[in-house]
Amino acid sequence: MRLVLFCLALLSTPALAEEHHHLAEAGGLRVLHAWTAATTGREADVFLRIENRGDEEAMLTGASVAEAGRVEIVGFGFQEGAEVWTRLPSLPIPAKITIELEPHSLALRLKDIGEPLEAGQHLDMVLEFGATRLPVEVEVGPAGATSHSHAGHDH
């Protein structure tokens, strides 16, 4: 029986390792499914889910990634009938609430990207929640992608 359990554990390890890059956790915060679309431009939007499982509000105050000169928190809206994105100084994440950064809602905008982002690439981003730094792996999907591919994993 122990041998069977050991073999099952070995077989499940690659799946767990594959799953790991889609989830980051620290201090009651969980970040899942960080993604962006491939681009040759100088800007790209990163989308993800932030779960605050803690008892206190968390405040997303910034982010950084080596591939971009800076990262801005942005919100989507309409002004005089036109779509606009507005830079936000921070983003509150209330206790026990999940916030989705998704197209036509909220995003982390990568500015001054040095090299094209290619599908299949992964970016190492650090999210800043005040003094808490949370490393997150961002998956680059196909150009024009409008959602994160959930193929091969489940949370």
C-alpha atoms as a PDB file:
ATOM      1  CA  MET A   1       0.000   0.000   0.000  1.00  0.00           C
ATOM      2  CA  ARG A   2       2.845   2.396   0.838  1.00  0.00           C
ATOM      3  CA  LEU A   3       4.401   1.711  -2.546  1.00  0.00           C
ATOM      4  CA  VAL A   4       1.122   2.594  -4.280  1.00  0.00           C
ATOM      5  CA  LEU A   5       0.848   5.856  -2.314  1.00  0.00           C
ATOM      6  CA  PHE A   6       4.484   6.672  -3.053  1.00  0.00           C
ATOM      7  CA  CYS A   7       3.958   6.085  -6.793  1.00  0.00           C
ATOM      8  CA  LEU A   8       0.825   8.230  -6.779  1.00  0.00           C
ATOM      9  CA  ALA A   9       2.740  11.003  -5.030  1.00  0.00           C
ATOM     10  CA  LEU A  10       5.487  10.851  -7.654  1.00  0.00           C
ATOM     11  CA  LEU A  11       2.975  10.954 -10.487  1.00  0.00           C
ATOM     12  CA  SER A  12       1.149  13.942  -9.015  1.00  0.00           C
ATOM     13  CA  THR A  13       4.298  16.019  -8.465  1.00  0.00           C
ATOM     14  CA  PRO A  14       4.604  17.310 -12.086  1.00  0.00           C
ATOM     15  CA  ALA A  15       0.953  18.368 -12.036  1.00  0.00           C
ATOM     16  CA  LEU A  16       1.479  20.242  -8.783  1.00  0.00           C
ATOM     17  CA  ALA A  17       4.605  21.907 -10.118  1.00  0.00           C
ATOM     18  CA  GLU A  18       2.763  22.929 -13.289  1.00  0.00           C
ATOM     19  CA  GLU A  19      -0.101  24.288 -11.174  1.00  0.00           C
ATOM     20  CA  HIS A  20       2.171  26.276  -8.863  1.00  0.00           C
ATOM     21  CA  HIS A  21       2.992  29.095 -11.279  1.00  0.00           C
ATOM     22  CA  HIS A  22      -0.694  30.028 -11.521  1.00  0.00           C
ATOM     23  CA  LEU A  23      -0.971  30.785  -7.793  1.00  0.00           C
ATOM     24  CA  ALA A  24       0.918  33.063  -5.393  1.00  0.00           C
ATOM     25  CA  GLU A  25       0.069  33.516  -1.710  1.00  0.00           C
ATOM     26  CA  ALA A  26       1.204  35.713   1.186  1.00  0.00           C
ATOM     27  CA  GLY A  27      -0.454  37.053   4.322  1.00  0.00           C
ATOM     28  CA  GLY A  28      -4.009  36.025   3.452  1.00  0.00           C
ATOM     29  CA  LEU A  29      -3.691  37.236  -0.154  1.00  0.00           C
ATOM     30  CA  ARG A  30      -3.932  34.869  -3.120  1.00  0.00           C
ATOM     31  CA  VAL A  31      -3.182  35.895  -6.694  1.00  0.00           C
ATOM     32  CA  LEU A  32      -4.311  33.548  -9.439  1.00  0.00           C
ATOM     33  CA  HIS A  33      -4.222  33.315 -13.231  1.00  0.00           C
ATOM     34  CA  ALA A  34      -1.984  36.286 -14.056  1.00  0.00           C
ATOM     35  CA  TRP A  35      -1.838  36.711 -17.830  1.00  0.00           C
ATOM     36  CA  THR A  36      -1.253  39.144 -20.668  1.00  0.00           C
ATOM     37  CA  ALA A  37      -1.450  38.914 -24.445  1.00  0.00           C
ATOM     38  CA  ALA A  38       1.583  38.740 -26.735  1.00  0.00           C
ATOM     39  CA  THR A  39       2.458  42.114 -28.216  1.00  0.00           C
ATOM     40  CA  THR A  40       5.113  43.918 -30.232  1.00  0.00           C
ATOM     41  CA  GLY A  41       3.981  47.260 -28.785  1.00  0.00           C
ATOM     42  CA  ARG A  42       5.377  49.281 -25.892  1.00  0.00           C
ATOM     43  CA  GLU A  43       2.380  48.619 -23.592  1.00  0.00           C
ATOM     44  CA  ALA A  44       0.497  45.547 -22.384  1.00  0.00           C
ATOM     45  CA  ASP A  45      -2.201  44.968 -19.798  1.00  0.00           C
ATOM     46  CA  VAL A  46      -1.854  42.249 -17.169  1.00  0.00           C
ATOM     47  CA  PHE A  47      -5.008  40.668 -15.802  1.00  0.00           C
ATOM     48  CA  LEU A  48      -5.383  38.477 -12.721  1.00  0.00           C
ATOM     49  CA  ARG A  49      -7.549  37.560  -9.741  1.00  0.00           C
ATOM     50  CA  ILE A  50      -6.754  38.802  -6.218  1.00  0.00           C
ATOM     51  CA  GLU A  51      -8.422  37.056  -3.278  1.00  0.00           C
ATOM     52  CA  ASN A  52      -8.157  38.689   0.138  1.00  0.00           C
ATOM     53  CA  ARG A  53      -8.816  35.890   2.614  1.00  0.00           C
ATOM     54  CA  GLY A  54      -7.651  38.040   5.516  1.00  0.00           C
ATOM     55  CA  ASP A  55      -9.677  39.979   8.074  1.00  0.00           C
ATOM     56  CA  GLU A  56      -8.379  43.399   7.011  1.00  0.00           C
ATOM     57  CA  GLU A  57      -8.419  45.395   3.794  1.00  0.00           C
ATOM     58  CA  ALA A  58      -5.296  45.078   1.645  1.00  0.00           C
ATOM     59  CA  MET A  59      -4.120  47.856  -0.658  1.00  0.00           C
ATOM     60  CA  LEU A  60      -2.432  47.119  -3.989  1.00  0.00           C
ATOM     61  CA  THR A  61      -0.010  50.030  -4.250  1.00  0.00           C
ATOM     62  CA  GLY A  62       2.125  49.053  -7.227  1.00  0.00           C
ATOM     63  CA  ALA A  63       3.953  46.399  -9.203  1.00  0.00           C
ATOM     64  CA  SER A  64       7.198  45.871 -11.069  1.00  0.00           C
ATOM     65  CA  VAL A  65       8.484  43.606 -13.829  1.00  0.00           C
ATOM     66  CA  ALA A  66      11.903  43.598 -15.519  1.00  0.00           C
ATOM     67  CA  GLU A  67      10.448  43.706 -19.047  1.00  0.00           C
ATOM     68  CA  ALA A  68       8.762  47.095 -18.534  1.00  0.00           C
ATOM     69  CA  GLY A  69      10.010  50.513 -17.494  1.00  0.00           C
ATOM     70  CA  ARG A  70       7.063  50.892 -15.120  1.00  0.00           C
ATOM     71  CA  VAL A  71       3.716  49.365 -14.171  1.00  0.00           C
ATOM     72  CA  GLU A  72       0.535  51.359 -13.548  1.00  0.00           C
ATOM     73  CA  ILE A  73      -2.747  50.328 -11.945  1.00  0.00           C
ATOM     74  CA  VAL A  74      -5.503  51.372 -14.372  1.00  0.00           C
ATOM     75  CA  GLY A  75      -9.298  51.350 -14.420  1.00  0.00           C
ATOM     76  CA  PHE A  76     -11.574  51.295 -17.456  1.00  0.00           C
ATOM     77  CA  GLY A  77     -14.503  53.592 -18.098  1.00  0.00           C
ATOM     78  CA  PHE A  78     -16.279  55.795 -20.620  1.00  0.00           C
ATOM     79  CA  GLN A  79     -15.876  59.532 -21.099  1.00  0.00           C
ATOM     80  CA  GLU A  80     -18.097  61.323 -23.607  1.00  0.00           C
ATOM     81  CA  GLY A  81     -18.917  57.970 -25.211  1.00  0.00           C
ATOM     82  CA  ALA A  82     -15.280  56.946 -25.681  1.00  0.00           C
ATOM     83  CA  GLU A  83     -13.437  54.157 -23.865  1.00  0.00           C
ATOM     84  CA  VAL A  84     -10.779  55.497 -21.485  1.00  0.00           C
ATOM     85  CA  TRP A  85      -8.311  53.984 -19.048  1.00  0.00           C
ATOM     86  CA  THR A  86      -7.515  56.033 -15.954  1.00  0.00           C
ATOM     87  CA  ARG A  87      -4.390  55.621 -13.829  1.00  0.00           C
ATOM     88  CA  LEU A  88      -5.254  54.716 -10.230  1.00  0.00           C
ATOM     89  CA  PRO A  89      -2.900  55.483  -7.319  1.00  0.00           C
ATOM     90  CA  SER A  90      -3.855  52.228  -5.553  1.00  0.00           C
ATOM     91  CA  LEU A  91      -6.517  49.538  -5.483  1.00  0.00           C
ATOM     92  CA  PRO A  92      -8.241  48.541  -2.225  1.00  0.00           C
ATOM     93  CA  ILE A  93      -8.972  44.834  -1.776  1.00  0.00           C
ATOM     94  CA  PRO A  94     -11.587  44.543   1.012  1.00  0.00           C
ATOM     95  CA  ALA A  95     -11.351  41.668   3.514  1.00  0.00           C
ATOM     96  CA  LYS A  96     -12.944  38.401   2.376  1.00  0.00           C
ATOM     97  CA  ILE A  97     -13.437  39.753  -1.175  1.00  0.00           C
ATOM     98  CA  THR A  98     -12.146  38.664  -4.596  1.00  0.00           C
ATOM     99  CA  ILE A  99     -11.230  41.330  -7.162  1.00  0.00           C
ATOM    100  CA  GLU A 100     -10.886  40.469 -10.852  1.00  0.00           C
ATOM    101  CA  LEU A 101      -8.535  42.500 -13.009  1.00  0.00           C
ATOM    102  CA  GLU A 102      -9.969  41.726 -16.440  1.00  0.00           C
ATOM    103  CA  PRO A 103     -10.398  43.370 -19.851  1.00  0.00           C
ATOM    104  CA  HIS A 104     -12.701  46.425 -19.789  1.00  0.00           C
ATOM    105  CA  SER A 105     -12.464  46.609 -15.986  1.00  0.00           C
ATOM    106  CA  LEU A 106      -9.115  46.862 -14.183  1.00  0.00           C
ATOM    107  CA  ALA A 107      -5.542  46.040 -15.208  1.00  0.00           C
ATOM    108  CA  LEU A 108      -1.880  46.420 -14.423  1.00  0.00           C
ATOM    109  CA  ARG A 109      -0.482  48.287 -17.420  1.00  0.00           C
ATOM    110  CA  LEU A 110       3.099  47.529 -18.432  1.00  0.00           C
ATOM    111  CA  LYS A 111       4.640  50.696 -19.881  1.00  0.00           C
ATOM    112  CA  ASP A 112       7.836  51.109 -21.909  1.00  0.00           C
ATOM    113  CA  ILE A 113       8.227  47.414 -22.746  1.00  0.00           C
ATOM    114  CA  GLY A 114      11.719  46.851 -24.133  1.00  0.00           C
ATOM    115  CA  GLU A 115      11.242  43.652 -26.175  1.00  0.00           C
ATOM    116  CA  PRO A 116       8.166  42.016 -27.765  1.00  0.00           C
ATOM    117  CA  LEU A 117       6.167  39.727 -25.472  1.00  0.00           C
ATOM    118  CA  GLU A 118       5.777  36.313 -27.111  1.00  0.00           C
ATOM    119  CA  ALA A 119       3.094  33.681 -26.501  1.00  0.00           C
ATOM    120  CA  GLY A 120       4.379  31.025 -24.110  1.00  0.00           C
ATOM    121  CA  GLN A 121       6.734  33.439 -22.366  1.00  0.00           C
ATOM    122  CA  HIS A 122       6.461  33.982 -18.594  1.00  0.00           C
ATOM    123  CA  LEU A 123       7.155  37.258 -16.784  1.00  0.00           C
ATOM    124  CA  ASP A 124       8.226  37.519 -13.151  1.00  0.00           C
ATOM    125  CA  MET A 125       6.148  40.337 -11.658  1.00  0.00           C
ATOM    126  CA  VAL A 126       6.177  41.574  -8.071  1.00  0.00           C
ATOM    127  CA  LEU A 127       2.930  42.990  -6.674  1.00  0.00           C
ATOM    128  CA  GLU A 128       3.227  45.534  -3.874  1.00  0.00           C
ATOM    129  CA  PHE A 129       0.666  45.584  -1.073  1.00  0.00           C
ATOM    130  CA  GLY A 130       2.239  48.265   1.137  1.00  0.00           C
ATOM    131  CA  ALA A 131       5.263  46.573   2.729  1.00  0.00           C
ATOM    132  CA  THR A 132       4.244  43.124   1.443  1.00  0.00           C
ATOM    133  CA  ARG A 133       5.859  42.022  -1.822  1.00  0.00           C
ATOM    134  CA  LEU A 134       4.192  39.131  -3.639  1.00  0.00           C
ATOM    135  CA  PRO A 135       6.035  37.484  -6.568  1.00  0.00           C
ATOM    136  CA  VAL A 136       3.646  36.433  -9.352  1.00  0.00           C
ATOM    137  CA  GLU A 137       4.345  34.629 -12.620  1.00  0.00           C
ATOM    138  CA  VAL A 138       2.509  36.173 -15.583  1.00  0.00           C
ATOM    139  CA  GLU A 139       1.717  33.902 -18.516  1.00  0.00           C
ATOM    140  CA  VAL A 140       1.887  35.486 -21.986  1.00  0.00           C
ATOM    141  CA  GLY A 141      -0.966  34.212 -24.152  1.00  0.00           C
ATOM    142  CA  PRO A 142      -1.551  34.596 -27.885  1.00  0.00           C
ATOM    143  CA  ALA A 143      -1.816  38.076 -29.410  1.00  0.00           C
ATOM    144  CA  GLY A 144      -5.383  39.306 -29.132  1.00  0.00           C
ATOM    145  CA  ALA A 145      -6.254  36.957 -26.240  1.00  0.00           C
ATOM    146  CA  THR A 146      -9.235  38.151 -24.215  1.00  0.00           C
ATOM    147  CA  SER A 147      -9.022  35.660 -21.345  1.00  0.00           C
ATOM    148  CA  HIS A 148      -6.602  33.392 -19.508  1.00  0.00           C
ATOM    149  CA  SER A 149      -6.333  29.817 -20.714  1.00  0.00           C
ATOM    150  CA  HIS A 150      -7.277  27.438 -17.899  1.00  0.00           C
ATOM    151  CA  ALA A 151      -6.108  24.394 -19.835  1.00  0.00           C
ATOM    152  CA  GLY A 152      -4.234  21.910 -17.690  1.00  0.00           C
ATOM    153  CA  HIS A 153      -5.049  23.369 -14.281  1.00  0.00           C
ATOM    154  CA  ASP A 154      -7.831  23.889 -11.760  1.00  0.00           C
ATOM    155  CA  HIS A 155      -8.080  25.830  -8.491  1.00  0.00           C
END
